[in-house]
Amino acid sequence: SRPHFIGNQSIEIEKCTDENLARNPTGLQQKSNFDIDNEMMDTVSSLTPILSIDDQMAQIRSTHNDMTQRLEREHEQLVDSLAAEWEKVAKKRIRLQRLTLDYKQEQERLEVEKRKWQKLYSESLKEKPIIKTQGETKLSDAYQKYIQTKEKYDQLIQNIQK
């Protein structure tokens, strides 16, 4: 055998003692392939009706229109789906902004209330010891309200983000 290169691939071809015998079946095989191709063409052409160019163009246009309409329907569905998704996102965003604003307003209100109670507490320390305990209680209550409001806000934010 000796190496040959066909299409940049190394192929080993063995030598035959009788080259005429080796070439003869190849020739028959090529001829039979040619005959089969012609027979298939005859069969295909006899089974397939020959269309005029106008008919072929009409068929192609019809196929093209069908494909275009299908793609347009798919496109419309995708656009509708995206629009619905954007609407959901926008509603969630607006809700989050409202919650954030409510939280900030409540936080500011509670901070003002806290400062008021701290001031009253400071004054009560100077005036009466009984008022001191009342001020501590009210200050503690205000602080607890502040913490509860903050926890509710944080929980709402977590629920929305899920």
N, C-alpha and C. Protein backbone atom coordinates (compact mmCIF):
# COMPACT_ATOMS: atom_id res chain seq x y z
N SER A 1 0.85 -1.17 0.00
CA SER A 1 0.00 0.00 0.00
C SER A 1 0.89 1.23 0.00
N ARG A 2 0.30 2.32 -0.47
CA ARG A 2 1.05 3.56 -0.50
C ARG A 2 0.11 4.71 -0.11
N PRO A 3 0.64 5.72 0.57
CA PRO A 3 -0.22 6.81 1.03
C PRO A 3 -0.57 7.77 -0.11
N HIS A 4 -1.80 8.26 -0.07
CA HIS A 4 -2.26 9.30 -1.00
C HIS A 4 -2.95 10.37 -0.17
N PHE A 5 -2.97 11.58 -0.70
CA PHE A 5 -3.66 12.68 -0.02
C PHE A 5 -4.84 13.12 -0.86
N ILE A 6 -6.01 13.03 -0.26
CA ILE A 6 -7.22 13.49 -0.94
C ILE A 6 -7.89 14.47 0.01
N GLY A 7 -7.96 15.73 -0.41
CA GLY A 7 -8.56 16.76 0.44
C GLY A 7 -7.83 16.90 1.76
N ASN A 8 -6.49 16.93 1.77
CA ASN A 8 -5.64 17.07 2.95
C ASN A 8 -5.79 15.92 3.94
N GLN A 9 -6.32 14.79 3.50
CA GLN A 9 -6.43 13.61 4.35
C GLN A 9 -5.57 12.50 3.75
N SER A 10 -4.81 11.85 4.62
CA SER A 10 -3.96 10.75 4.18
C SER A 10 -4.81 9.49 4.03
N ILE A 11 -4.76 8.88 2.86
CA ILE A 11 -5.54 7.67 2.59
C ILE A 11 -4.59 6.61 2.06
N GLU A 12 -4.69 5.41 2.64
CA GLU A 12 -3.87 4.29 2.18
C GLU A 12 -4.61 3.56 1.07
N ILE A 13 -3.96 3.38 -0.04
CA ILE A 13 -4.55 2.65 -1.15
C ILE A 13 -3.69 1.41 -1.39
N GLU A 14 -4.32 0.24 -1.33
CA GLU A 14 -3.58 -1.00 -1.53
C GLU A 14 -3.48 -1.30 -3.01
N LYS A 15 -2.33 -1.85 -3.39
CA LYS A 15 -2.14 -2.24 -4.78
C LYS A 15 -2.84 -3.57 -5.03
N CYS A 16 -3.36 -3.69 -6.20
CA CYS A 16 -4.05 -4.91 -6.60
C CYS A 16 -3.19 -5.61 -7.64
N THR A 17 -3.17 -6.92 -7.60
CA THR A 17 -2.37 -7.65 -8.57
C THR A 17 -2.95 -7.53 -9.96
N ASP A 18 -4.27 -7.51 -10.08
CA ASP A 18 -4.90 -7.39 -11.39
C ASP A 18 -5.65 -6.06 -11.43
N GLU A 19 -5.02 -5.00 -11.99
CA GLU A 19 -5.62 -3.67 -12.02
C GLU A 19 -6.85 -3.63 -12.90
N ASN A 20 -6.86 -4.42 -13.98
CA ASN A 20 -8.04 -4.44 -14.86
C ASN A 20 -9.26 -4.95 -14.11
N LEU A 21 -9.06 -5.98 -13.30
CA LEU A 21 -10.16 -6.51 -12.52
C LEU A 21 -10.65 -5.47 -11.50
N ALA A 22 -9.71 -4.75 -10.91
CA ALA A 22 -10.06 -3.73 -9.92
C ALA A 22 -10.79 -2.56 -10.57
N ARG A 23 -10.40 -2.16 -11.77
CA ARG A 23 -11.03 -1.02 -12.44
C ARG A 23 -12.40 -1.36 -13.01
N ASN A 24 -12.58 -2.60 -13.43
CA ASN A 24 -13.82 -3.00 -14.07
C ASN A 24 -15.03 -2.83 -13.16
N PRO A 25 -15.02 -3.36 -11.90
CA PRO A 25 -16.19 -3.16 -11.05
C PRO A 25 -16.43 -1.68 -10.75
N THR A 26 -15.37 -0.90 -10.67
CA THR A 26 -15.53 0.53 -10.41
C THR A 26 -16.26 1.18 -11.56
N GLY A 27 -15.88 0.82 -12.77
CA GLY A 27 -16.56 1.36 -13.95
C GLY A 27 -18.01 0.97 -13.97
N LEU A 28 -18.29 -0.29 -13.63
CA LEU A 28 -19.67 -0.74 -13.58
C LEU A 28 -20.44 0.01 -12.50
N GLN A 29 -19.77 0.18 -11.37
CA GLN A 29 -20.44 0.87 -10.27
C GLN A 29 -20.75 2.31 -10.66
N GLN A 30 -19.81 3.00 -11.30
CA GLN A 30 -20.07 4.38 -11.72
C GLN A 30 -21.18 4.43 -12.74
N LYS A 31 -21.16 3.47 -13.66
CA LYS A 31 -22.20 3.44 -14.67
C LYS A 31 -23.56 3.18 -14.03
N SER A 32 -23.59 2.25 -13.07
CA SER A 32 -24.87 1.94 -12.44
C SER A 32 -25.36 3.15 -11.63
N ASN A 33 -24.45 3.89 -10.97
CA ASN A 33 -24.86 5.09 -10.26
C ASN A 33 -25.44 6.12 -11.22
N PHE A 34 -24.84 6.26 -12.37
CA PHE A 34 -25.32 7.20 -13.38
C PHE A 34 -26.71 6.79 -13.86
N ASP A 35 -26.85 5.47 -14.10
CA ASP A 35 -28.16 4.97 -14.53
C ASP A 35 -29.22 5.21 -13.45
N ILE A 36 -28.84 4.98 -12.19
CA ILE A 36 -29.79 5.18 -11.09
C ILE A 36 -30.18 6.64 -11.02
N ASP A 37 -29.20 7.55 -11.16
CA ASP A 37 -29.51 8.98 -11.11
C ASP A 37 -30.48 9.36 -12.21
N ASN A 38 -30.25 8.83 -13.42
CA ASN A 38 -31.16 9.14 -14.53
C ASN A 38 -32.55 8.57 -14.28
N GLU A 39 -32.58 7.33 -13.74
CA GLU A 39 -33.87 6.72 -13.45
C GLU A 39 -34.62 7.52 -12.38
N MET A 40 -33.89 7.99 -11.37
CA MET A 40 -34.52 8.78 -10.33
C MET A 40 -35.04 10.09 -10.89
N MET A 41 -34.28 10.71 -11.75
CA MET A 41 -34.72 11.97 -12.36
C MET A 41 -35.99 11.72 -13.18
N ASP A 42 -35.99 10.61 -13.92
CA ASP A 42 -37.18 10.30 -14.71
C ASP A 42 -38.37 10.04 -13.79
N THR A 43 -38.13 9.31 -12.69
CA THR A 43 -39.20 8.99 -11.75
C THR A 43 -39.71 10.26 -11.08
N VAL A 44 -38.78 11.08 -10.61
CA VAL A 44 -39.16 12.32 -9.93
C VAL A 44 -39.91 13.23 -10.88
N SER A 45 -39.38 13.35 -12.08
CA SER A 45 -40.04 14.26 -13.02
C SER A 45 -41.39 13.72 -13.45
N SER A 46 -41.54 12.39 -13.49
CA SER A 46 -42.84 11.86 -13.89
C SER A 46 -43.85 11.95 -12.73
N LEU A 47 -43.36 11.90 -11.46
CA LEU A 47 -44.26 11.99 -10.32
C LEU A 47 -44.61 13.43 -9.98
N THR A 48 -43.66 14.33 -10.14
CA THR A 48 -43.87 15.73 -9.79
C THR A 48 -44.39 16.47 -11.00
N PRO A 49 -45.55 17.08 -10.87
CA PRO A 49 -46.04 17.84 -12.02
C PRO A 49 -45.17 19.07 -12.24
N ILE A 50 -44.93 19.37 -13.46
CA ILE A 50 -44.09 20.52 -13.80
C ILE A 50 -44.97 21.76 -13.73
N LEU A 51 -44.54 22.73 -12.91
CA LEU A 51 -45.30 23.96 -12.74
C LEU A 51 -44.73 25.05 -13.63
N SER A 52 -45.59 25.88 -14.09
CA SER A 52 -45.11 27.02 -14.86
C SER A 52 -44.44 28.00 -13.89
N ILE A 53 -43.70 28.93 -14.42
CA ILE A 53 -43.01 29.91 -13.58
C ILE A 53 -44.02 30.72 -12.78
N ASP A 54 -45.14 31.07 -13.40
CA ASP A 54 -46.17 31.84 -12.68
C ASP A 54 -46.73 31.03 -11.52
N ASP A 55 -46.96 29.73 -11.75
CA ASP A 55 -47.46 28.88 -10.68
C ASP A 55 -46.43 28.74 -9.56
N GLN A 56 -45.16 28.59 -9.95
CA GLN A 56 -44.09 28.49 -8.95
C GLN A 56 -44.01 29.78 -8.13
N MET A 57 -44.09 30.92 -8.82
CA MET A 57 -44.04 32.21 -8.12
C MET A 57 -45.23 32.35 -7.17
N ALA A 58 -46.41 31.94 -7.63
CA ALA A 58 -47.60 32.01 -6.78
C ALA A 58 -47.43 31.12 -5.55
N GLN A 59 -46.87 29.94 -5.76
CA GLN A 59 -46.64 29.01 -4.65
C GLN A 59 -45.63 29.60 -3.67
N ILE A 60 -44.57 30.18 -4.20
CA ILE A 60 -43.54 30.80 -3.34
C ILE A 60 -44.14 31.98 -2.58
N ARG A 61 -44.93 32.81 -3.26
CA ARG A 61 -45.57 33.95 -2.60
C ARG A 61 -46.50 33.47 -1.48
N SER A 62 -47.25 32.43 -1.76
CA SER A 62 -48.17 31.90 -0.76
C SER A 62 -47.40 31.40 0.47
N THR A 63 -46.32 30.66 0.22
CA THR A 63 -45.48 30.17 1.32
C THR A 63 -44.89 31.34 2.09
N HIS A 64 -44.41 32.33 1.35
CA HIS A 64 -43.81 33.51 1.99
C HIS A 64 -44.86 34.25 2.82
N ASN A 65 -46.05 34.42 2.29
CA ASN A 65 -47.12 35.11 3.03
C ASN A 65 -47.50 34.34 4.30
N ASP A 66 -47.59 33.01 4.18
CA ASP A 66 -47.90 32.18 5.35
C ASP A 66 -46.84 32.34 6.43
N MET A 67 -45.58 32.28 6.02
CA MET A 67 -44.48 32.42 6.97
C MET A 67 -44.48 33.82 7.60
N THR A 68 -44.71 34.83 6.78
CA THR A 68 -44.73 36.21 7.28
C THR A 68 -45.87 36.40 8.28
N GLN A 69 -47.04 35.88 7.97
CA GLN A 69 -48.18 36.01 8.88
C GLN A 69 -47.92 35.27 10.19
N ARG A 70 -47.32 34.08 10.10
CA ARG A 70 -47.00 33.32 11.31
C ARG A 70 -46.00 34.10 12.17
N LEU A 71 -44.97 34.64 11.53
CA LEU A 71 -43.96 35.40 12.27
C LEU A 71 -44.55 36.67 12.87
N GLU A 72 -45.45 37.32 12.14
CA GLU A 72 -46.10 38.53 12.67
C GLU A 72 -46.97 38.19 13.88
N ARG A 73 -47.68 37.06 13.82
CA ARG A 73 -48.49 36.64 14.96
C ARG A 73 -47.60 36.35 16.17
N GLU A 74 -46.50 35.64 15.93
CA GLU A 74 -45.57 35.34 17.02
C GLU A 74 -45.00 36.63 17.60
N HIS A 75 -44.67 37.57 16.71
CA HIS A 75 -44.12 38.85 17.15
C HIS A 75 -45.14 39.60 18.01
N GLU A 76 -46.39 39.64 17.57
CA GLU A 76 -47.44 40.31 18.33
C GLU A 76 -47.62 39.66 19.71
N GLN A 77 -47.56 38.33 19.74
CA GLN A 77 -47.69 37.63 21.02
C GLN A 77 -46.54 37.99 21.96
N LEU A 78 -45.33 38.04 21.40
CA LEU A 78 -44.17 38.39 22.22
C LEU A 78 -44.27 39.83 22.72
N VAL A 79 -44.70 40.73 21.85
CA VAL A 79 -44.85 42.13 22.25
C VAL A 79 -45.91 42.25 23.34
N ASP A 80 -47.04 41.56 23.17
CA ASP A 80 -48.09 41.59 24.20
C ASP A 80 -47.58 41.03 25.52
N SER A 81 -46.83 39.94 25.44
CA SER A 81 -46.28 39.32 26.64
C SER A 81 -45.32 40.28 27.35
N LEU A 82 -44.45 40.92 26.57
CA LEU A 82 -43.51 41.88 27.16
C LEU A 82 -44.24 43.08 27.76
N ALA A 83 -45.27 43.55 27.07
CA ALA A 83 -46.04 44.69 27.59
C ALA A 83 -46.69 44.33 28.92
N ALA A 84 -47.24 43.14 29.01
CA ALA A 84 -47.87 42.70 30.26
C ALA A 84 -46.83 42.60 31.37
N GLU A 85 -45.67 42.07 31.03
CA GLU A 85 -44.60 41.93 32.02
C GLU A 85 -44.12 43.30 32.50
N TRP A 86 -43.97 44.23 31.56
CA TRP A 86 -43.55 45.59 31.92
C TRP A 86 -44.60 46.25 32.81
N GLU A 87 -45.86 46.01 32.53
CA GLU A 87 -46.93 46.59 33.35
C GLU A 87 -46.84 46.06 34.78
N LYS A 88 -46.60 44.75 34.92
CA LYS A 88 -46.46 44.16 36.25
C LYS A 88 -45.28 44.79 37.00
N VAL A 89 -44.16 44.92 36.28
CA VAL A 89 -42.96 45.49 36.90
C VAL A 89 -43.23 46.94 37.32
N ALA A 90 -43.90 47.70 36.46
CA ALA A 90 -44.20 49.09 36.77
C ALA A 90 -45.10 49.19 38.00
N LYS A 91 -46.11 48.32 38.10
CA LYS A 91 -47.00 48.34 39.26
C LYS A 91 -46.24 48.01 40.54
N LYS A 92 -45.35 47.02 40.46
CA LYS A 92 -44.55 46.67 41.64
C LYS A 92 -43.66 47.84 42.05
N ARG A 93 -43.07 48.49 41.06
CA ARG A 93 -42.18 49.61 41.33
C ARG A 93 -42.95 50.76 42.00
N ILE A 94 -44.14 51.06 41.48
CA ILE A 94 -44.95 52.12 42.06
C ILE A 94 -45.33 51.77 43.50
N ARG A 95 -45.70 50.52 43.71
CA ARG A 95 -46.07 50.08 45.06
C ARG A 95 -44.88 50.21 46.02
N LEU A 96 -43.70 49.81 45.54
CA LEU A 96 -42.50 49.94 46.37
C LEU A 96 -42.21 51.40 46.69
N GLN A 97 -42.36 52.27 45.70
CA GLN A 97 -42.11 53.69 45.94
C GLN A 97 -43.09 54.25 46.97
N ARG A 98 -44.35 53.85 46.87
CA ARG A 98 -45.35 54.31 47.85
C ARG A 98 -45.02 53.81 49.25
N LEU A 99 -44.64 52.53 49.33
CA LEU A 99 -44.27 51.98 50.64
C LEU A 99 -43.06 52.69 51.22
N THR A 100 -42.09 52.97 50.37
CA THR A 100 -40.89 53.67 50.82
C THR A 100 -41.25 55.07 51.32
N LEU A 101 -42.10 55.76 50.58
CA LEU A 101 -42.52 57.10 50.98
C LEU A 101 -43.29 57.04 52.31
N ASP A 102 -44.20 56.08 52.42
CA ASP A 102 -44.95 55.91 53.67
C ASP A 102 -44.00 55.63 54.84
N TYR A 103 -43.03 54.77 54.59
CA TYR A 103 -42.07 54.43 55.63
C TYR A 103 -41.28 55.67 56.05
N LYS A 104 -40.81 56.44 55.09
CA LYS A 104 -40.01 57.63 55.41
C LYS A 104 -40.84 58.65 56.19
N GLN A 105 -42.09 58.84 55.78
CA GLN A 105 -42.96 59.78 56.50
C GLN A 105 -43.21 59.30 57.93
N GLU A 106 -43.46 58.02 58.07
CA GLU A 106 -43.70 57.47 59.41
C GLU A 106 -42.43 57.56 60.25
N GLN A 107 -41.29 57.32 59.65
CA GLN A 107 -40.03 57.41 60.36
C GLN A 107 -39.78 58.84 60.84
N GLU A 108 -40.03 59.81 59.97
CA GLU A 108 -39.85 61.21 60.35
C GLU A 108 -40.80 61.60 61.48
N ARG A 109 -42.05 61.17 61.36
CA ARG A 109 -43.04 61.48 62.40
C ARG A 109 -42.60 60.89 63.74
N LEU A 110 -42.14 59.64 63.69
CA LEU A 110 -41.72 58.98 64.93
C LEU A 110 -40.45 59.62 65.51
N GLU A 111 -39.57 60.08 64.66
CA GLU A 111 -38.36 60.74 65.16
C GLU A 111 -38.72 62.07 65.85
N VAL A 112 -39.67 62.80 65.24
CA VAL A 112 -40.13 64.04 65.87
C VAL A 112 -40.76 63.74 67.23
N GLU A 113 -41.59 62.71 67.25
CA GLU A 113 -42.24 62.31 68.50
C GLU A 113 -41.20 61.87 69.53
N LYS A 114 -40.20 61.16 69.07
CA LYS A 114 -39.13 60.70 69.97
C LYS A 114 -38.39 61.89 70.57
N ARG A 115 -38.04 62.88 69.73
CA ARG A 115 -37.34 64.06 70.24
C ARG A 115 -38.21 64.81 71.26
N LYS A 116 -39.51 64.88 70.95
CA LYS A 116 -40.44 65.56 71.86
C LYS A 116 -40.44 64.87 73.21
N TRP A 117 -40.52 63.53 73.18
CA TRP A 117 -40.54 62.78 74.44
C TRP A 117 -39.20 62.85 75.15
N GLN A 118 -38.12 62.89 74.41
CA GLN A 118 -36.81 63.02 75.05
C GLN A 118 -36.69 64.38 75.76
N LYS A 119 -37.18 65.40 75.09
CA LYS A 119 -37.16 66.74 75.68
C LYS A 119 -38.01 66.78 76.95
N LEU A 120 -39.20 66.21 76.83
CA LEU A 120 -40.07 66.15 78.01
C LEU A 120 -39.43 65.34 79.13
N TYR A 121 -38.78 64.30 78.76
CA TYR A 121 -38.10 63.46 79.74
C TYR A 121 -36.99 64.25 80.44
N SER A 122 -36.22 64.96 79.66
CA SER A 122 -35.14 65.77 80.25
C SER A 122 -35.71 66.80 81.23
N GLU A 123 -36.79 67.43 80.82
CA GLU A 123 -37.43 68.42 81.69
C GLU A 123 -37.99 67.76 82.94
N SER A 124 -38.54 66.58 82.76
CA SER A 124 -39.13 65.90 83.92
C SER A 124 -38.07 65.48 84.92
N LEU A 125 -36.87 65.23 84.45
CA LEU A 125 -35.80 64.86 85.37
C LEU A 125 -35.51 66.01 86.32
N LYS A 126 -35.65 67.20 85.80
CA LYS A 126 -35.38 68.38 86.62
C LYS A 126 -36.52 68.66 87.58
N GLU A 127 -37.74 68.38 87.15
CA GLU A 127 -38.90 68.79 87.93
C GLU A 127 -39.34 67.76 88.95
N LYS A 128 -39.81 66.62 88.48
CA LYS A 128 -40.40 65.67 89.43
C LYS A 128 -39.93 64.25 89.13
N PRO A 129 -39.60 63.50 90.14
CA PRO A 129 -39.19 62.11 89.93
C PRO A 129 -40.32 61.22 89.43
N ILE A 130 -41.58 61.53 89.76
CA ILE A 130 -42.71 60.73 89.29
C ILE A 130 -42.86 60.88 87.78
N ILE A 131 -42.71 62.10 87.33
CA ILE A 131 -42.83 62.36 85.89
C ILE A 131 -41.71 61.62 85.14
N LYS A 132 -40.59 61.45 85.81
CA LYS A 132 -39.46 60.75 85.20
C LYS A 132 -39.87 59.34 84.76
N THR A 133 -40.51 58.62 85.62
CA THR A 133 -40.91 57.25 85.26
C THR A 133 -41.97 57.25 84.15
N GLN A 134 -42.88 58.24 84.19
CA GLN A 134 -43.88 58.34 83.12
C GLN A 134 -43.19 58.66 81.78
N GLY A 135 -42.25 59.54 81.81
CA GLY A 135 -41.51 59.91 80.59
C GLY A 135 -40.73 58.74 80.03
N GLU A 136 -40.12 57.98 80.94
CA GLU A 136 -39.38 56.80 80.49
C GLU A 136 -40.32 55.81 79.82
N THR A 137 -41.48 55.64 80.40
CA THR A 137 -42.46 54.71 79.83
C THR A 137 -42.92 55.19 78.46
N LYS A 138 -43.25 56.48 78.36
CA LYS A 138 -43.70 57.02 77.08
C LYS A 138 -42.59 56.97 76.04
N LEU A 139 -41.38 57.28 76.47
CA LEU A 139 -40.24 57.21 75.55
C LEU A 139 -40.03 55.79 75.07
N SER A 140 -40.13 54.86 75.99
CA SER A 140 -39.98 53.45 75.63
C SER A 140 -41.09 53.02 74.67
N ASP A 141 -42.32 53.47 74.95
CA ASP A 141 -43.44 53.15 74.06
C ASP A 141 -43.22 53.73 72.66
N ALA A 142 -42.78 54.96 72.60
CA ALA A 142 -42.54 55.60 71.30
C ALA A 142 -41.44 54.86 70.55
N TYR A 143 -40.42 54.47 71.27
CA TYR A 143 -39.33 53.73 70.64
C TYR A 143 -39.81 52.37 70.14
N GLN A 144 -40.65 51.70 70.92
CA GLN A 144 -41.20 50.41 70.50
C GLN A 144 -42.07 50.56 69.26
N LYS A 145 -42.87 51.63 69.21
CA LYS A 145 -43.68 51.90 68.01
C LYS A 145 -42.78 52.10 66.79
N TYR A 146 -41.72 52.84 67.01
CA TYR A 146 -40.77 53.09 65.93
C TYR A 146 -40.17 51.77 65.42
N ILE A 147 -39.77 50.91 66.32
CA ILE A 147 -39.18 49.62 65.94
C ILE A 147 -40.21 48.75 65.22
N GLN A 148 -41.44 48.72 65.72
CA GLN A 148 -42.50 47.92 65.09
C GLN A 148 -42.78 48.42 63.67
N THR A 149 -42.85 49.72 63.51
CA THR A 149 -43.10 50.29 62.17
C THR A 149 -41.96 49.94 61.23
N LYS A 150 -40.76 50.04 61.72
CA LYS A 150 -39.60 49.71 60.89
C LYS A 150 -39.62 48.23 60.50
N GLU A 151 -39.97 47.34 61.43
CA GLU A 151 -40.05 45.91 61.13
C GLU A 151 -41.14 45.62 60.10
N LYS A 152 -42.29 46.28 60.24
CA LYS A 152 -43.37 46.10 59.26
C LYS A 152 -42.93 46.54 57.87
N TYR A 153 -42.26 47.66 57.83
CA TYR A 153 -41.77 48.15 56.53
C TYR A 153 -40.77 47.16 55.91
N ASP A 154 -39.83 46.71 56.72
CA ASP A 154 -38.84 45.75 56.21
C ASP A 154 -39.51 44.47 55.73
N GLN A 155 -40.52 44.01 56.46
CA GLN A 155 -41.25 42.80 56.07
C GLN A 155 -42.00 43.03 54.75
N LEU A 156 -42.64 44.17 54.60
CA LEU A 156 -43.34 44.49 53.34
C LEU A 156 -42.37 44.52 52.17
N ILE A 157 -41.23 45.10 52.37
CA ILE A 157 -40.21 45.16 51.31
C ILE A 157 -39.77 43.76 50.93
N GLN A 158 -39.55 42.90 51.92
CA GLN A 158 -39.15 41.52 51.63
C GLN A 158 -40.24 40.77 50.89
N ASN A 159 -41.49 40.96 51.27
CA ASN A 159 -42.61 40.29 50.60
C ASN A 159 -42.73 40.74 49.16
N ILE A 160 -42.52 41.99 48.92
CA ILE A 160 -42.63 42.50 47.55
C ILE A 160 -41.50 41.97 46.69
N GLN A 161 -40.34 41.84 47.25
CA GLN A 161 -39.19 41.38 46.47
C GLN A 161 -39.24 39.90 46.18
N LYS A 162 -40.09 39.16 46.85
CA LYS A 162 -40.21 37.73 46.57
C LYS A 162 -40.98 37.58 45.35
